[in-house]
Amino acid sequence: MKKFIISTMMIALILVLAACGGDDSTSGVNDTSGGESPTSNTVELVASNWEFEKDSYSVPAGEVTINLVNGEGFHGITIEGTDVKIDGDGSATTSLEPGEYKVICSVPCGEGHAEMTTQLIVE
């Protein structure tokens, strides 16, 4: 009886560990910057304490989905010149014309909050 219980627990542990080890690297989200050409109308902005992951993010013009991920701390964003406002992890979809949009952290997050900005380049 003990062998059966131990075997069952080992199998359950292996299944739990296998489920937790999944790789989500193919999410289809395109948050390019620099010389890359954007191919998706979705951008993922990653916010951590007092900075965004990148200095700028690029997407094609048109219907755009913006995803905000809080890598560290709690942040929100407002994109100037649009009606986009996200508090905490979340997303918003809007129609954007080509241009450069300033993205600011809208949730006071500490001493570097005032300088926490990035650019959204819509091509």
PDB file of N, CA and C in Angstrom:
ATOM      1  N   MET A   1       0.819  -1.192   0.000  1.00  0.00           N
ATOM      2  CA  MET A   1       0.000   0.000   0.000  1.00  0.00           C
ATOM      3  C   MET A   1       0.865   1.259   0.000  1.00  0.00           C
ATOM      4  N   LYS A   2       1.967   1.248   0.778  1.00  0.00           N
ATOM      5  CA  LYS A   2       2.848   2.403   0.834  1.00  0.00           C
ATOM      6  C   LYS A   2       3.473   2.670  -0.532  1.00  0.00           C
ATOM      7  N   LYS A   3       3.853   1.605  -1.236  1.00  0.00           N
ATOM      8  CA  LYS A   3       4.459   1.772  -2.560  1.00  0.00           C
ATOM      9  C   LYS A   3       3.481   2.436  -3.524  1.00  0.00           C
ATOM     10  N   PHE A   4       2.227   2.069  -3.458  1.00  0.00           N
ATOM     11  CA  PHE A   4       1.211   2.662  -4.328  1.00  0.00           C
ATOM     12  C   PHE A   4       1.048   4.157  -4.041  1.00  0.00           C
ATOM     13  N   ILE A   5       0.978   4.529  -2.789  1.00  0.00           N
ATOM     14  CA  ILE A   5       0.816   5.931  -2.402  1.00  0.00           C
ATOM     15  C   ILE A   5       2.036   6.742  -2.828  1.00  0.00           C
ATOM     16  N   ILE A   6       3.223   6.220  -2.587  1.00  0.00           N
ATOM     17  CA  ILE A   6       4.448   6.931  -2.970  1.00  0.00           C
ATOM     18  C   ILE A   6       4.538   7.061  -4.487  1.00  0.00           C
ATOM     19  N   SER A   7       4.200   6.008  -5.209  1.00  0.00           N
ATOM     20  CA  SER A   7       4.225   6.053  -6.682  1.00  0.00           C
ATOM     21  C   SER A   7       3.238   7.092  -7.203  1.00  0.00           C
ATOM     22  N   THR A   8       2.050   7.114  -6.639  1.00  0.00           N
ATOM     23  CA  THR A   8       1.031   8.077  -7.056  1.00  0.00           C
ATOM     24  C   THR A   8       1.494   9.510  -6.769  1.00  0.00           C
ATOM     25  N   MET A   9       2.100   9.738  -5.630  1.00  0.00           N
ATOM     26  CA  MET A   9       2.594  11.074  -5.291  1.00  0.00           C
ATOM     27  C   MET A   9       3.728  11.494  -6.229  1.00  0.00           C
ATOM     28  N   MET A  10       4.601  10.588  -6.584  1.00  0.00           N
ATOM     29  CA  MET A  10       5.706  10.893  -7.493  1.00  0.00           C
ATOM     30  C   MET A  10       5.167  11.254  -8.885  1.00  0.00           C
ATOM     31  N   ILE A  11       4.206  10.515  -9.369  1.00  0.00           N
ATOM     32  CA  ILE A  11       3.615  10.798 -10.681  1.00  0.00           C
ATOM     33  C   ILE A  11       2.930  12.159 -10.658  1.00  0.00           C
ATOM     34  N   ALA A  12       2.195  12.453  -9.582  1.00  0.00           N
ATOM     35  CA  ALA A  12       1.527  13.750  -9.466  1.00  0.00           C
ATOM     36  C   ALA A  12       2.548  14.880  -9.432  1.00  0.00           C
ATOM     37  N   LEU A  13       3.642  14.694  -8.718  1.00  0.00           N
ATOM     38  CA  LEU A  13       4.688  15.711  -8.652  1.00  0.00           C
ATOM     39  C   LEU A  13       5.316  15.940 -10.020  1.00  0.00           C
ATOM     40  N   ILE A  14       5.573  14.906 -10.751  1.00  0.00           N
ATOM     41  CA  ILE A  14       6.151  15.020 -12.097  1.00  0.00           C
ATOM     42  C   ILE A  14       5.202  15.768 -13.022  1.00  0.00           C
ATOM     43  N   LEU A  15       3.914  15.469 -12.955  1.00  0.00           N
ATOM     44  CA  LEU A  15       2.936  16.166 -13.792  1.00  0.00           C
ATOM     45  C   LEU A  15       2.842  17.652 -13.440  1.00  0.00           C
ATOM     46  N   VAL A  16       2.876  17.976 -12.160  1.00  0.00           N
ATOM     47  CA  VAL A  16       2.826  19.377 -11.747  1.00  0.00           C
ATOM     48  C   VAL A  16       4.064  20.120 -12.233  1.00  0.00           C
ATOM     49  N   LEU A  17       5.230  19.525 -12.068  1.00  0.00           N
ATOM     50  CA  LEU A  17       6.465  20.172 -12.507  1.00  0.00           C
ATOM     51  C   LEU A  17       6.498  20.333 -14.021  1.00  0.00           C
ATOM     52  N   ALA A  18       5.992  19.371 -14.753  1.00  0.00           N
ATOM     53  CA  ALA A  18       5.966  19.473 -16.215  1.00  0.00           C
ATOM     54  C   ALA A  18       5.028  20.597 -16.656  1.00  0.00           C
ATOM     55  N   ALA A  19       3.915  20.771 -15.980  1.00  0.00           N
ATOM     56  CA  ALA A  19       2.959  21.817 -16.333  1.00  0.00           C
ATOM     57  C   ALA A  19       3.522  23.199 -16.025  1.00  0.00           C
ATOM     58  N   CYS A  20       4.312  23.337 -14.988  1.00  0.00           N
ATOM     59  CA  CYS A  20       4.872  24.636 -14.601  1.00  0.00           C
ATOM     60  C   CYS A  20       6.058  25.037 -15.451  1.00  0.00           C
ATOM     61  N   GLY A  21       6.631  24.138 -16.189  1.00  0.00           N
ATOM     62  CA  GLY A  21       7.837  24.444 -16.949  1.00  0.00           C
ATOM     63  C   GLY A  21       7.586  24.863 -18.369  1.00  0.00           C
ATOM     64  N   GLY A  22       6.343  25.232 -18.728  1.00  0.00           N
ATOM     65  CA  GLY A  22       6.024  25.614 -20.101  1.00  0.00           C
ATOM     66  C   GLY A  22       6.755  26.871 -20.525  1.00  0.00           C
ATOM     67  N   ASP A  23       7.094  26.972 -21.810  1.00  0.00           N
ATOM     68  CA  ASP A  23       7.776  28.134 -22.362  1.00  0.00           C
ATOM     69  C   ASP A  23       6.790  28.940 -23.172  1.00  0.00           C
ATOM     70  N   ASP A  24       6.618  30.223 -22.815  1.00  0.00           N
ATOM     71  CA  ASP A  24       5.651  31.095 -23.485  1.00  0.00           C
ATOM     72  C   ASP A  24       6.365  32.094 -24.390  1.00  0.00           C
ATOM     73  N   SER A  25       7.447  31.668 -25.035  1.00  0.00           N
ATOM     74  CA  SER A  25       8.242  32.597 -25.829  1.00  0.00           C
ATOM     75  C   SER A  25       7.655  32.867 -27.198  1.00  0.00           C
ATOM     76  N   THR A  26       6.596  32.196 -27.578  1.00  0.00           N
ATOM     77  CA  THR A  26       5.995  32.410 -28.893  1.00  0.00           C
ATOM     78  C   THR A  26       4.629  33.048 -28.741  1.00  0.00           C
ATOM     79  N   SER A  27       4.588  34.194 -28.069  1.00  0.00           N
ATOM     80  CA  SER A  27       3.314  34.838 -27.781  1.00  0.00           C
ATOM     81  C   SER A  27       2.753  35.618 -28.957  1.00  0.00           C
ATOM     82  N   GLY A  28       3.563  35.867 -29.994  1.00  0.00           N
ATOM     83  CA  GLY A  28       3.078  36.605 -31.147  1.00  0.00           C
ATOM     84  C   GLY A  28       3.059  38.097 -30.940  1.00  0.00           C
ATOM     85  N   VAL A  29       3.550  38.575 -29.816  1.00  0.00           N
ATOM     86  CA  VAL A  29       3.572  39.998 -29.528  1.00  0.00           C
ATOM     87  C   VAL A  29       4.801  40.602 -30.166  1.00  0.00           C
ATOM     88  N   ASN A  30       4.611  41.744 -30.832  1.00  0.00           N
ATOM     89  CA  ASN A  30       5.719  42.404 -31.506  1.00  0.00           C
ATOM     90  C   ASN A  30       5.948  43.753 -30.854  1.00  0.00           C
ATOM     91  N   ASP A  31       7.084  43.894 -30.156  1.00  0.00           N
ATOM     92  CA  ASP A  31       7.413  45.170 -29.530  1.00  0.00           C
ATOM     93  C   ASP A  31       8.782  45.620 -30.012  1.00  0.00           C
ATOM     94  N   THR A  32       8.903  45.747 -31.310  1.00  0.00           N
ATOM     95  CA  THR A  32      10.186  46.072 -31.900  1.00  0.00           C
ATOM     96  C   THR A  32      10.565  47.508 -31.644  1.00  0.00           C
ATOM     97  N   SER A  33      11.849  47.764 -31.704  1.00  0.00           N
ATOM     98  CA  SER A  33      12.366  49.124 -31.666  1.00  0.00           C
ATOM     99  C   SER A  33      13.636  49.147 -32.480  1.00  0.00           C
ATOM    100  N   GLY A  34      14.075  50.334 -32.814  1.00  0.00           N
ATOM    101  CA  GLY A  34      15.282  50.417 -33.618  1.00  0.00           C
ATOM    102  C   GLY A  34      14.956  50.187 -35.076  1.00  0.00           C
ATOM    103  N   GLY A  35      15.870  49.558 -35.840  1.00  0.00           N
ATOM    104  CA  GLY A  35      15.734  49.411 -37.278  1.00  0.00           C
ATOM    105  C   GLY A  35      14.821  48.297 -37.734  1.00  0.00           C
ATOM    106  N   GLU A  36      14.153  47.608 -36.824  1.00  0.00           N
ATOM    107  CA  GLU A  36      13.294  46.504 -37.224  1.00  0.00           C
ATOM    108  C   GLU A  36      11.984  47.021 -37.804  1.00  0.00           C
ATOM    109  N   SER A  37      11.406  46.233 -38.697  1.00  0.00           N
ATOM    110  CA  SER A  37      10.139  46.604 -39.301  1.00  0.00           C
ATOM    111  C   SER A  37       9.003  45.902 -38.574  1.00  0.00           C
ATOM    112  N   PRO A  38       8.060  46.642 -37.999  1.00  0.00           N
ATOM    113  CA  PRO A  38       6.971  46.010 -37.275  1.00  0.00           C
ATOM    114  C   PRO A  38       6.047  45.235 -38.197  1.00  0.00           C
ATOM    115  N   THR A  39       5.566  44.085 -37.724  1.00  0.00           N
ATOM    116  CA  THR A  39       4.688  43.248 -38.529  1.00  0.00           C
ATOM    117  C   THR A  39       3.380  42.948 -37.826  1.00  0.00           C
ATOM    118  N   SER A  40       3.209  43.411 -36.603  1.00  0.00           N
ATOM    119  CA  SER A  40       2.008  43.112 -35.832  1.00  0.00           C
ATOM    120  C   SER A  40       1.435  44.403 -35.268  1.00  0.00           C
ATOM    121  N   ASN A  41       0.140  44.433 -35.104  1.00  0.00           N
ATOM    122  CA  ASN A  41      -0.497  45.608 -34.523  1.00  0.00           C
ATOM    123  C   ASN A  41      -0.699  45.450 -33.031  1.00  0.00           C
ATOM    124  N   THR A  42       0.163  44.665 -32.390  1.00  0.00           N
ATOM    125  CA  THR A  42       0.143  44.498 -30.952  1.00  0.00           C
ATOM    126  C   THR A  42       1.522  44.844 -30.414  1.00  0.00           C
ATOM    127  N   VAL A  43       1.545  45.594 -29.329  1.00  0.00           N
ATOM    128  CA  VAL A  43       2.815  45.957 -28.698  1.00  0.00           C
ATOM    129  C   VAL A  43       2.718  45.681 -27.208  1.00  0.00           C
ATOM    130  N   GLU A  44       3.789  45.148 -26.645  1.00  0.00           N
ATOM    131  CA  GLU A  44       3.838  44.842 -25.222  1.00  0.00           C
ATOM    132  C   GLU A  44       4.829  45.778 -24.551  1.00  0.00           C
ATOM    133  N   LEU A  45       4.331  46.646 -23.684  1.00  0.00           N
ATOM    134  CA  LEU A  45       5.169  47.564 -22.922  1.00  0.00           C
ATOM    135  C   LEU A  45       5.425  46.938 -21.568  1.00  0.00           C
ATOM    136  N   VAL A  46       6.701  46.771 -21.235  1.00  0.00           N
ATOM    137  CA  VAL A  46       7.069  46.174 -19.957  1.00  0.00           C
ATOM    138  C   VAL A  46       7.591  47.286 -19.046  1.00  0.00           C
ATOM    139  N   ALA A  47       6.935  47.458 -17.908  1.00  0.00           N
ATOM    140  CA  ALA A  47       7.293  48.504 -16.954  1.00  0.00           C
ATOM    141  C   ALA A  47       7.913  47.878 -15.712  1.00  0.00           C
ATOM    142  N   SER A  48       9.019  48.464 -15.281  1.00  0.00           N
ATOM    143  CA  SER A  48       9.604  48.078 -14.001  1.00  0.00           C
ATOM    144  C   SER A  48       9.845  49.363 -13.225  1.00  0.00           C
ATOM    145  N   ASN A  49      10.496  49.268 -12.097  1.00  0.00           N
ATOM    146  CA  ASN A  49      10.631  50.452 -11.264  1.00  0.00           C
ATOM    147  C   ASN A  49      11.381  51.576 -11.975  1.00  0.00           C
ATOM    148  N   TRP A  50      10.652  52.636 -12.248  1.00  0.00           N
ATOM    149  CA  TRP A  50      11.128  53.900 -12.791  1.00  0.00           C
ATOM    150  C   TRP A  50      11.605  53.848 -14.230  1.00  0.00           C
ATOM    151  N   GLU A  51      11.261  52.773 -14.971  1.00  0.00           N
ATOM    152  CA  GLU A  51      11.648  52.723 -16.382  1.00  0.00           C
ATOM    153  C   GLU A  51      10.821  51.696 -17.147  1.00  0.00           C
ATOM    154  N   PHE A  52      10.780  51.905 -18.451  1.00  0.00           N
ATOM    155  CA  PHE A  52      10.198  50.918 -19.339  1.00  0.00           C
ATOM    156  C   PHE A  52      11.333  50.069 -19.897  1.00  0.00           C
ATOM    157  N   GLU A  53      11.007  48.882 -20.356  1.00  0.00           N
ATOM    158  CA  GLU A  53      12.026  47.955 -20.864  1.00  0.00           C
ATOM    159  C   GLU A  53      12.806  48.556 -22.034  1.00  0.00           C
ATOM    160  N   LYS A  54      12.134  49.354 -22.877  1.00  0.00           N
ATOM    161  CA  LYS A  54      12.772  49.941 -24.049  1.00  0.00           C
ATOM    162  C   LYS A  54      12.553  51.449 -24.075  1.00  0.00           C
ATOM    163  N   ASP A  55      13.445  52.145 -24.784  1.00  0.00           N
ATOM    164  CA  ASP A  55      13.290  53.590 -24.957  1.00  0.00           C
ATOM    165  C   ASP A  55      12.166  53.920 -25.927  1.00  0.00           C
ATOM    166  N   SER A  56      11.886  52.986 -26.864  1.00  0.00           N
ATOM    167  CA  SER A  56      10.792  53.193 -27.813  1.00  0.00           C
ATOM    168  C   SER A  56      10.252  51.852 -28.281  1.00  0.00           C
ATOM    169  N   TYR A  57       8.998  51.872 -28.679  1.00  0.00           N
ATOM    170  CA  TYR A  57       8.299  50.697 -29.195  1.00  0.00           C
ATOM    171  C   TYR A  57       7.682  51.097 -30.534  1.00  0.00           C
ATOM    172  N   SER A  58       7.605  50.173 -31.494  1.00  0.00           N
ATOM    173  CA  SER A  58       7.066  50.488 -32.821  1.00  0.00           C
ATOM    174  C   SER A  58       5.939  49.539 -33.201  1.00  0.00           C
ATOM    175  N   VAL A  59       4.928  50.106 -33.874  1.00  0.00           N
ATOM    176  CA  VAL A  59       3.820  49.323 -34.412  1.00  0.00           C
ATOM    177  C   VAL A  59       3.357  49.975 -35.709  1.00  0.00           C
ATOM    178  N   PRO A  60       2.700  49.213 -36.584  1.00  0.00           N
ATOM    179  CA  PRO A  60       2.112  49.816 -37.782  1.00  0.00           C
ATOM    180  C   PRO A  60       0.862  50.627 -37.415  1.00  0.00           C
ATOM    181  N   ALA A  61       0.549  51.620 -38.234  1.00  0.00           N
ATOM    182  CA  ALA A  61      -0.636  52.445 -38.021  1.00  0.00           C
ATOM    183  C   ALA A  61      -1.903  51.609 -38.196  1.00  0.00           C
ATOM    184  N   GLY A  62      -2.975  52.096 -37.613  1.00  0.00           N
ATOM    185  CA  GLY A  62      -4.269  51.418 -37.715  1.00  0.00           C
ATOM    186  C   GLY A  62      -4.740  50.980 -36.342  1.00  0.00           C
ATOM    187  N   GLU A  63      -5.485  49.903 -36.312  1.00  0.00           N
ATOM    188  CA  GLU A  63      -5.996  49.340 -35.059  1.00  0.00           C
ATOM    189  C   GLU A  63      -4.828  48.707 -34.306  1.00  0.00           C
ATOM    190  N   VAL A  64      -4.532  49.221 -33.101  1.00  0.00           N
ATOM    191  CA  VAL A  64      -3.371  48.790 -32.322  1.00  0.00           C
ATOM    192  C   VAL A  64      -3.829  48.324 -30.949  1.00  0.00           C
ATOM    193  N   THR A  65      -3.291  47.193 -30.503  1.00  0.00           N
ATOM    194  CA  THR A  65      -3.537  46.706 -29.152  1.00  0.00           C
ATOM    195  C   THR A  65      -2.270  46.917 -28.341  1.00  0.00           C
ATOM    196  N   ILE A  66      -2.405  47.591 -27.220  1.00  0.00           N
ATOM    197  CA  ILE A  66      -1.288  47.860 -26.331  1.00  0.00           C
ATOM    198  C   ILE A  66      -1.466  47.008 -25.087  1.00  0.00           C
ATOM    199  N   ASN A  67      -0.459  46.197 -24.772  1.00  0.00           N
ATOM    200  CA  ASN A  67      -0.472  45.380 -23.564  1.00  0.00           C
ATOM    201  C   ASN A  67       0.537  45.958 -22.585  1.00  0.00           C
ATOM    202  N   LEU A  68       0.129  46.175 -21.359  1.00  0.00           N
ATOM    203  CA  LEU A  68       1.029  46.639 -20.306  1.00  0.00           C
ATOM    204  C   LEU A  68       1.318  45.489 -19.360  1.00  0.00           C
ATOM    205  N   VAL A  69       2.604  45.234 -19.149  1.00  0.00           N
ATOM    206  CA  VAL A  69       3.047  44.190 -18.228  1.00  0.00           C
ATOM    207  C   VAL A  69       3.884  44.850 -17.138  1.00  0.00           C
ATOM    208  N   ASN A  70       3.517  44.629 -15.899  1.00  0.00           N
ATOM    209  CA  ASN A  70       4.291  45.147 -14.767  1.00  0.00           C
ATOM    210  C   ASN A  70       5.347  44.117 -14.403  1.00  0.00           C
ATOM    211  N   GLY A  71       6.578  44.346 -14.868  1.00  0.00           N
ATOM    212  CA  GLY A  71       7.673  43.438 -14.559  1.00  0.00           C
ATOM    213  C   GLY A  71       8.114  43.554 -13.114  1.00  0.00           C
ATOM    214  N   GLU A  72       8.084  44.767 -12.577  1.00  0.00           N
ATOM    215  CA  GLU A  72       8.467  45.022 -11.196  1.00  0.00           C
ATOM    216  C   GLU A  72       7.707  46.253 -10.731  1.00  0.00           C
ATOM    217  N   GLY A  73       7.087  46.168  -9.574  1.00  0.00           N
ATOM    218  CA  GLY A  73       6.298  47.286  -9.073  1.00  0.00           C
ATOM    219  C   GLY A  73       4.917  47.322  -9.708  1.00  0.00           C
ATOM    220  N   PHE A  74       4.165  48.389  -9.400  1.00  0.00           N
ATOM    221  CA  PHE A  74       2.823  48.566  -9.958  1.00  0.00           C
ATOM    222  C   PHE A  74       2.816  49.861 -10.750  1.00  0.00           C
ATOM    223  N   HIS A  75       2.444  49.767 -12.024  1.00  0.00           N
ATOM    224  CA  HIS A  75       2.473  50.907 -12.934  1.00  0.00           C
ATOM    225  C   HIS A  75       1.199  50.966 -13.753  1.00  0.00           C
ATOM    226  N   GLY A  76       0.979  52.091 -14.365  1.00  0.00           N
ATOM    227  CA  GLY A  76      -0.096  52.292 -15.322  1.00  0.00           C
ATOM    228  C   GLY A  76       0.461  53.176 -16.416  1.00  0.00           C
ATOM    229  N   ILE A  77      -0.249  53.276 -17.530  1.00  0.00           N
ATOM    230  CA  ILE A  77       0.224  54.149 -18.601  1.00  0.00           C
ATOM    231  C   ILE A  77      -0.892  55.033 -19.121  1.00  0.00           C
ATOM    232  N   THR A  78      -0.475  56.180 -19.610  1.00  0.00           N
ATOM    233  CA  THR A  78      -1.313  57.069 -20.393  1.00  0.00           C
ATOM    234  C   THR A  78      -0.519  57.386 -21.640  1.00  0.00           C
ATOM    235  N   ILE A  79      -1.160  57.298 -22.806  1.00  0.00           N
ATOM    236  CA  ILE A  79      -0.490  57.649 -24.052  1.00  0.00           C
ATOM    237  C   ILE A  79      -1.035  58.997 -24.475  1.00  0.00           C
ATOM    238  N   GLU A  80      -0.149  60.007 -24.455  1.00  0.00           N
ATOM    239  CA  GLU A  80      -0.561  61.374 -24.762  1.00  0.00           C
ATOM    240  C   GLU A  80      -1.088  61.463 -26.194  1.00  0.00           C
ATOM    241  N   GLY A  81      -2.155  62.222 -26.368  1.00  0.00           N
ATOM    242  CA  GLY A  81      -2.769  62.395 -27.676  1.00  0.00           C
ATOM    243  C   GLY A  81      -3.737  61.284 -28.049  1.00  0.00           C
ATOM    244  N   THR A  82      -3.994  60.378 -27.111  1.00  0.00           N
ATOM    245  CA  THR A  82      -4.949  59.283 -27.344  1.00  0.00           C
ATOM    246  C   THR A  82      -5.845  59.158 -26.116  1.00  0.00           C
ATOM    247  N   ASP A  83      -6.799  58.238 -26.193  1.00  0.00           N
ATOM    248  CA  ASP A  83      -7.654  57.968 -25.045  1.00  0.00           C
ATOM    249  C   ASP A  83      -7.195  56.716 -24.290  1.00  0.00           C
ATOM    250  N   VAL A  84      -5.964  56.260 -24.552  1.00  0.00           N
ATOM    251  CA  VAL A  84      -5.463  55.033 -23.935  1.00  0.00           C
ATOM    252  C   VAL A  84      -4.990  55.318 -22.515  1.00  0.00           C
ATOM    253  N   LYS A  85      -5.556  54.546 -21.580  1.00  0.00           N
ATOM    254  CA  LYS A  85      -5.148  54.598 -20.174  1.00  0.00           C
ATOM    255  C   LYS A  85      -5.297  53.186 -19.628  1.00  0.00           C
ATOM    256  N   ILE A  86      -4.205  52.641 -19.102  1.00  0.00           N
ATOM    257  CA  ILE A  86      -4.217  51.298 -18.521  1.00  0.00           C
ATOM    258  C   ILE A  86      -3.607  51.401 -17.130  1.00  0.00           C
ATOM    259  N   ASP A  87      -4.291  50.868 -16.130  1.00  0.00           N
ATOM    260  CA  ASP A  87      -3.763  50.805 -14.770  1.00  0.00           C
ATOM    261  C   ASP A  87      -3.462  49.357 -14.438  1.00  0.00           C
ATOM    262  N   GLY A  88      -2.213  49.069 -14.096  1.00  0.00           N
ATOM    263  CA  GLY A  88      -1.807  47.702 -13.793  1.00  0.00           C
ATOM    264  C   GLY A  88      -1.692  46.889 -15.071  1.00  0.00           C
ATOM    265  N   ASP A  89      -1.477  45.584 -14.910  1.00  0.00           N
ATOM    266  CA  ASP A  89      -1.419  44.714 -16.084  1.00  0.00           C
ATOM    267  C   ASP A  89      -2.746  44.778 -16.814  1.00  0.00           C
ATOM    268  N   GLY A  90      -2.682  44.945 -18.130  1.00  0.00           N
ATOM    269  CA  GLY A  90      -3.916  45.008 -18.900  1.00  0.00           C
ATOM    270  C   GLY A  90      -3.639  45.388 -20.332  1.00  0.00           C
ATOM    271  N   SER A  91      -4.704  45.608 -21.082  1.00  0.00           N
ATOM    272  CA  SER A  91      -4.534  45.964 -22.484  1.00  0.00           C
ATOM    273  C   SER A  91      -5.640  46.920 -22.915  1.00  0.00           C
ATOM    274  N   ALA A  92      -5.360  47.600 -24.023  1.00  0.00           N
ATOM    275  CA  ALA A  92      -6.330  48.516 -24.620  1.00  0.00           C
ATOM    276  C   ALA A  92      -6.123  48.485 -26.123  1.00  0.00           C
ATOM    277  N   THR A  93      -7.210  48.648 -26.861  1.00  0.00           N
ATOM    278  CA  THR A  93      -7.142  48.688 -28.320  1.00  0.00           C
ATOM    279  C   THR A  93      -7.665  50.031 -28.787  1.00  0.00           C
ATOM    280  N   THR A  94      -6.944  50.636 -29.732  1.00  0.00           N
ATOM    281  CA  THR A  94      -7.319  51.941 -30.254  1.00  0.00           C
ATOM    282  C   THR A  94      -6.823  52.065 -31.685  1.00  0.00           C
ATOM    283  N   SER A  95      -7.304  53.043 -32.386  1.00  0.00           N
ATOM    284  CA  SER A  95      -6.854  53.322 -33.750  1.00  0.00           C
ATOM    285  C   SER A  95      -5.849  54.470 -33.688  1.00  0.00           C
ATOM    286  N   LEU A  96      -4.650  54.242 -34.231  1.00  0.00           N
ATOM    287  CA  LEU A  96      -3.592  55.244 -34.171  1.00  0.00           C
ATOM    288  C   LEU A  96      -3.107  55.625 -35.557  1.00  0.00           C
ATOM    289  N   GLU A  97      -2.927  56.927 -35.755  1.00  0.00           N
ATOM    290  CA  GLU A  97      -2.353  57.472 -36.978  1.00  0.00           C
ATOM    291  C   GLU A  97      -0.832  57.424 -36.857  1.00  0.00           C
ATOM    292  N   PRO A  98      -0.107  57.429 -37.985  1.00  0.00           N
ATOM    293  CA  PRO A  98       1.354  57.458 -37.913  1.00  0.00           C
ATOM    294  C   PRO A  98       1.838  58.670 -37.119  1.00  0.00           C
ATOM    295  N   GLY A  99       2.891  58.472 -36.370  1.00  0.00           N
ATOM    296  CA  GLY A  99       3.469  59.541 -35.561  1.00  0.00           C
ATOM    297  C   GLY A  99       4.168  58.981 -34.343  1.00  0.00           C
ATOM    298  N   GLU A 100       4.641  59.875 -33.504  1.00  0.00           N
ATOM    299  CA  GLU A 100       5.297  59.486 -32.257  1.00  0.00           C
ATOM    300  C   GLU A 100       4.424  59.921 -31.089  1.00  0.00           C
ATOM    301  N   TYR A 101       4.188  58.994 -30.183  1.00  0.00           N
ATOM    302  CA  TYR A 101       3.333  59.244 -29.033  1.00  0.00           C
ATOM    303  C   TYR A 101       4.150  59.036 -27.760  1.00  0.00           C
ATOM    304  N   LYS A 102       4.022  59.967 -26.830  1.00  0.00           N
ATOM    305  CA  LYS A 102       4.716  59.850 -25.549  1.00  0.00           C
ATOM    306  C   LYS A 102       3.877  58.989 -24.615  1.00  0.00           C
ATOM    307  N   VAL A 103       4.518  57.995 -24.024  1.00  0.00           N
ATOM    308  CA  VAL A 103       3.868  57.100 -23.062  1.00  0.00           C
ATOM    309  C   VAL A 103       4.433  57.440 -21.694  1.00  0.00           C
ATOM    310  N   ILE A 104       3.551  57.734 -20.750  1.00  0.00           N
ATOM    311  CA  ILE A 104       4.007  58.080 -19.403  1.00  0.00           C
ATOM    312  C   ILE A 104       3.407  57.128 -18.381  1.00  0.00           C
ATOM    313  N   CYS A 105       4.131  56.925 -17.307  1.00  0.00           N
ATOM    314  CA  CYS A 105       3.606  56.135 -16.197  1.00  0.00           C
ATOM    315  C   CYS A 105       2.585  56.995 -15.472  1.00  0.00           C
ATOM    316  N   SER A 106       1.378  56.472 -15.286  1.00  0.00           N
ATOM    317  CA  SER A 106       0.288  57.240 -14.680  1.00  0.00           C
ATOM    318  C   SER A 106       0.030  56.886 -13.221  1.00  0.00           C
ATOM    319  N   VAL A 107       0.832  55.972 -12.673  1.00  0.00           N
ATOM    320  CA  VAL A 107       0.675  55.578 -11.277  1.00  0.00           C
ATOM    321  C   VAL A 107       1.946  55.985 -10.530  1.00  0.00           C
ATOM    322  N   PRO A 108       1.849  56.858  -9.539  1.00  0.00           N
ATOM    323  CA  PRO A 108       3.049  57.249  -8.791  1.00  0.00           C
ATOM    324  C   PRO A 108       3.771  56.013  -8.256  1.00  0.00           C
ATOM    325  N   CYS A 109       5.029  55.851  -8.690  1.00  0.00           N
ATOM    326  CA  CYS A 109       5.740  54.608  -8.382  1.00  0.00           C
ATOM    327  C   CYS A 109       7.051  54.841  -7.646  1.00  0.00           C
ATOM    328  N   GLY A 110       7.268  56.034  -7.165  1.00  0.00           N
ATOM    329  CA  GLY A 110       8.487  56.276  -6.396  1.00  0.00           C
ATOM    330  C   GLY A 110       9.267  57.461  -6.920  1.00  0.00           C
ATOM    331  N   GLU A 111      10.502  57.573  -6.478  1.00  0.00           N
ATOM    332  CA  GLU A 111      11.305  58.761  -6.745  1.00  0.00           C
ATOM    333  C   GLU A 111      11.614  59.000  -8.219  1.00  0.00           C
ATOM    334  N   GLY A 112      11.651  57.984  -9.066  1.00  0.00           N
ATOM    335  CA  GLY A 112      11.937  58.171 -10.486  1.00  0.00           C
ATOM    336  C   GLY A 112      10.696  58.257 -11.354  1.00  0.00           C
ATOM    337  N   HIS A 113       9.529  58.364 -10.740  1.00  0.00           N
ATOM    338  CA  HIS A 113       8.260  58.346 -11.473  1.00  0.00           C
ATOM    339  C   HIS A 113       8.157  59.455 -12.520  1.00  0.00           C
ATOM    340  N   ALA A 114       8.593  60.646 -12.198  1.00  0.00           N
ATOM    341  CA  ALA A 114       8.438  61.794 -13.100  1.00  0.00           C
ATOM    342  C   ALA A 114       9.191  61.610 -14.417  1.00  0.00           C
ATOM    343  N   GLU A 115      10.259  60.833 -14.405  1.00  0.00           N
ATOM    344  CA  GLU A 115      11.047  60.601 -15.619  1.00  0.00           C
ATOM    345  C   GLU A 115      10.680  59.299 -16.325  1.00  0.00           C
ATOM    346  N   MET A 116       9.667  58.593 -15.849  1.00  0.00           N
ATOM    347  CA  MET A 116       9.319  57.288 -16.415  1.00  0.00           C
ATOM    348  C   MET A 116       8.461  57.472 -17.664  1.00  0.00           C
ATOM    349  N   THR A 117       9.139  57.553 -18.825  1.00  0.00           N
ATOM    350  CA  THR A 117       8.460  57.716 -20.098  1.00  0.00           C
ATOM    351  C   THR A 117       9.109  56.834 -21.153  1.00  0.00           C
ATOM    352  N   THR A 118       8.400  56.607 -22.238  1.00  0.00           N
ATOM    353  CA  THR A 118       8.922  55.926 -23.420  1.00  0.00           C
ATOM    354  C   THR A 118       8.175  56.481 -24.616  1.00  0.00           C
ATOM    355  N   GLN A 119       8.580  56.108 -25.813  1.00  0.00           N
ATOM    356  CA  GLN A 119       7.931  56.564 -27.045  1.00  0.00           C
ATOM    357  C   GLN A 119       7.256  55.385 -27.730  1.00  0.00           C
ATOM    358  N   LEU A 120       6.068  55.621 -28.272  1.00  0.00           N
ATOM    359  CA  LEU A 120       5.385  54.665 -29.133  1.00  0.00           C
ATOM    360  C   LEU A 120       5.434  55.246 -30.543  1.00  0.00           C
ATOM    361  N   ILE A 121       6.166  54.581 -31.415  1.00  0.00           N
ATOM    362  CA  ILE A 121       6.327  55.041 -32.791  1.00  0.00           C
ATOM    363  C   ILE A 121       5.348  54.265 -33.665  1.00  0.00           C
ATOM    364  N   VAL A 122       4.433  54.983 -34.279  1.00  0.00           N
ATOM    365  CA  VAL A 122       3.423  54.372 -35.146  1.00  0.00           C
ATOM    366  C   VAL A 122       3.810  54.710 -36.578  1.00  0.00           C
ATOM    367  N   GLU A 123       4.062  53.671 -37.369  1.00  0.00           N
ATOM    368  CA  GLU A 123       4.547  53.866 -38.744  1.00  0.00           C
ATOM    369  C   GLU A 123       3.477  53.588 -39.770  1.00  0.00           C
TER     370      GLU A 123
END
